[in-house]
Amino acid sequence: MAVHLRLTRTGRHKRPLYRVVAADSRKPRDGRFLEILGIFDPLKEPAVPELKQERVLSWLRQGAQPTVTVKTLLRRCGVWKTFEAEKAAEKAAKKKVA
């Protein structure tokens, strides 16, 4: 099963609110999901998502693929930078052992 980190739309007409969720890639956009990882309200100023950073990092470590939009949100929050730093440190540790 391929897991994607993506947005699901909630809210009312012309007042969007999005959830950042981990979901099976075969499910529809607003369908069943595995876990809610945060909320994104684009109408707030500034439009910064509220994320459970440890859970997002956990899913990324397990191989979940973020959509382009979610990847942008992760960069805004600094979560993506943390993930990339972990990956680089792991790669350097493997190289040092070998």
Protein backbone atom coordinates (compact mmCIF):
# COMPACT_ATOMS: atom_id res chain seq x y z
CA MET A 1 0.00 0.00 0.00
CA ALA A 2 1.44 3.38 -1.04
CA VAL A 3 0.85 6.07 1.56
CA HIS A 4 0.65 9.72 0.54
CA LEU A 5 0.57 12.81 2.70
CA ARG A 6 -2.11 15.01 1.17
CA LEU A 7 -4.85 17.54 1.81
CA THR A 8 -8.54 16.80 2.28
CA ARG A 9 -11.01 19.65 2.01
CA THR A 10 -13.44 20.48 4.78
CA GLY A 11 -15.22 23.70 5.67
CA ARG A 12 -18.14 25.31 3.93
CA HIS A 13 -18.81 27.04 0.63
CA LYS A 14 -16.06 29.61 -0.14
CA ARG A 15 -14.54 29.07 3.35
CA PRO A 16 -12.07 26.22 2.80
CA LEU A 17 -10.27 24.43 5.59
CA TYR A 18 -7.87 21.62 4.81
CA ARG A 19 -6.64 18.67 6.83
CA VAL A 20 -3.19 17.26 6.20
CA VAL A 21 -3.68 13.49 6.29
CA ALA A 22 -1.81 10.25 5.65
CA ALA A 23 -3.93 8.24 3.22
CA ASP A 24 -3.76 5.27 0.89
CA SER A 25 -3.00 6.63 -2.57
CA ARG A 26 -5.89 4.65 -4.08
CA LYS A 27 -8.55 6.35 -1.93
CA PRO A 28 -10.45 9.46 -3.13
CA ARG A 29 -9.40 12.95 -1.99
CA ASP A 30 -11.99 13.28 0.77
CA GLY A 31 -12.24 9.55 1.40
CA ARG A 32 -10.88 7.31 4.11
CA PHE A 33 -7.52 8.21 5.63
CA LEU A 34 -5.09 6.63 8.07
CA GLU A 35 -4.31 9.59 10.34
CA ILE A 36 -4.89 13.34 10.61
CA LEU A 37 -1.52 15.10 10.80
CA GLY A 38 -2.57 18.72 10.93
CA ILE A 39 -4.79 21.55 9.72
CA PHE A 40 -4.22 24.24 7.11
CA ASP A 41 -6.43 27.33 6.97
CA PRO A 42 -5.51 29.33 3.82
CA LEU A 43 -7.68 32.28 4.85
CA LYS A 44 -5.64 33.02 7.99
CA GLU A 45 -2.87 35.60 7.88
CA PRO A 46 -0.20 34.24 7.76
CA ALA A 47 -1.39 30.99 6.20
CA VAL A 48 0.86 28.60 8.15
CA PRO A 49 -0.31 25.04 8.80
CA GLU A 50 -0.57 23.56 12.28
CA LEU A 51 1.13 20.15 12.10
CA LYS A 52 1.98 17.31 14.44
CA GLN A 53 5.64 17.42 13.46
CA GLU A 54 6.72 14.16 15.09
CA ARG A 55 3.92 12.20 13.39
CA VAL A 56 4.70 13.80 10.01
CA LEU A 57 8.38 12.90 10.39
CA SER A 58 7.40 9.38 11.41
CA TRP A 59 5.35 8.90 8.23
CA LEU A 60 8.13 10.38 6.07
CA ARG A 61 10.68 8.01 7.66
CA GLN A 62 8.40 5.09 6.78
CA GLY A 63 8.36 6.15 3.12
CA ALA A 64 5.16 8.18 2.77
CA GLN A 65 5.26 10.50 -0.24
CA PRO A 66 3.96 14.06 0.19
CA THR A 67 2.04 15.72 -2.63
CA VAL A 68 3.55 18.86 -4.15
CA THR A 69 1.27 21.11 -2.09
CA VAL A 70 1.95 19.30 1.18
CA LYS A 71 5.68 19.37 0.47
CA THR A 72 5.43 23.17 0.12
CA LEU A 73 3.59 23.37 3.46
CA LEU A 74 6.22 21.17 5.11
CA ARG A 75 8.92 23.51 3.81
CA ARG A 76 7.08 26.51 5.24
CA CYS A 77 6.94 24.88 8.68
CA GLY A 78 10.53 23.67 8.59
CA VAL A 79 9.57 20.01 8.87
CA TRP A 80 11.01 19.18 5.45
CA LYS A 81 14.36 20.70 6.40
CA THR A 82 14.45 18.53 9.53
CA PHE A 83 13.65 15.43 7.47
CA GLU A 84 16.36 16.24 4.89
CA ALA A 85 18.91 16.81 7.68
CA GLU A 86 18.06 13.43 9.22
CA LYS A 87 18.42 11.76 5.83
CA ALA A 88 21.79 13.42 5.22
CA ALA A 89 23.07 12.43 8.67
CA GLU A 90 21.95 8.84 8.11
CA LYS A 91 23.65 8.76 4.73
CA ALA A 92 26.88 10.16 6.21
CA ALA A 93 26.79 7.57 9.01
CA LYS A 94 26.41 4.75 6.48
CA LYS A 95 29.26 6.14 4.40
CA LYS A 96 31.48 6.41 7.49
CA VAL A 97 30.83 2.78 8.45
CA ALA A 98 31.53 1.49 4.94
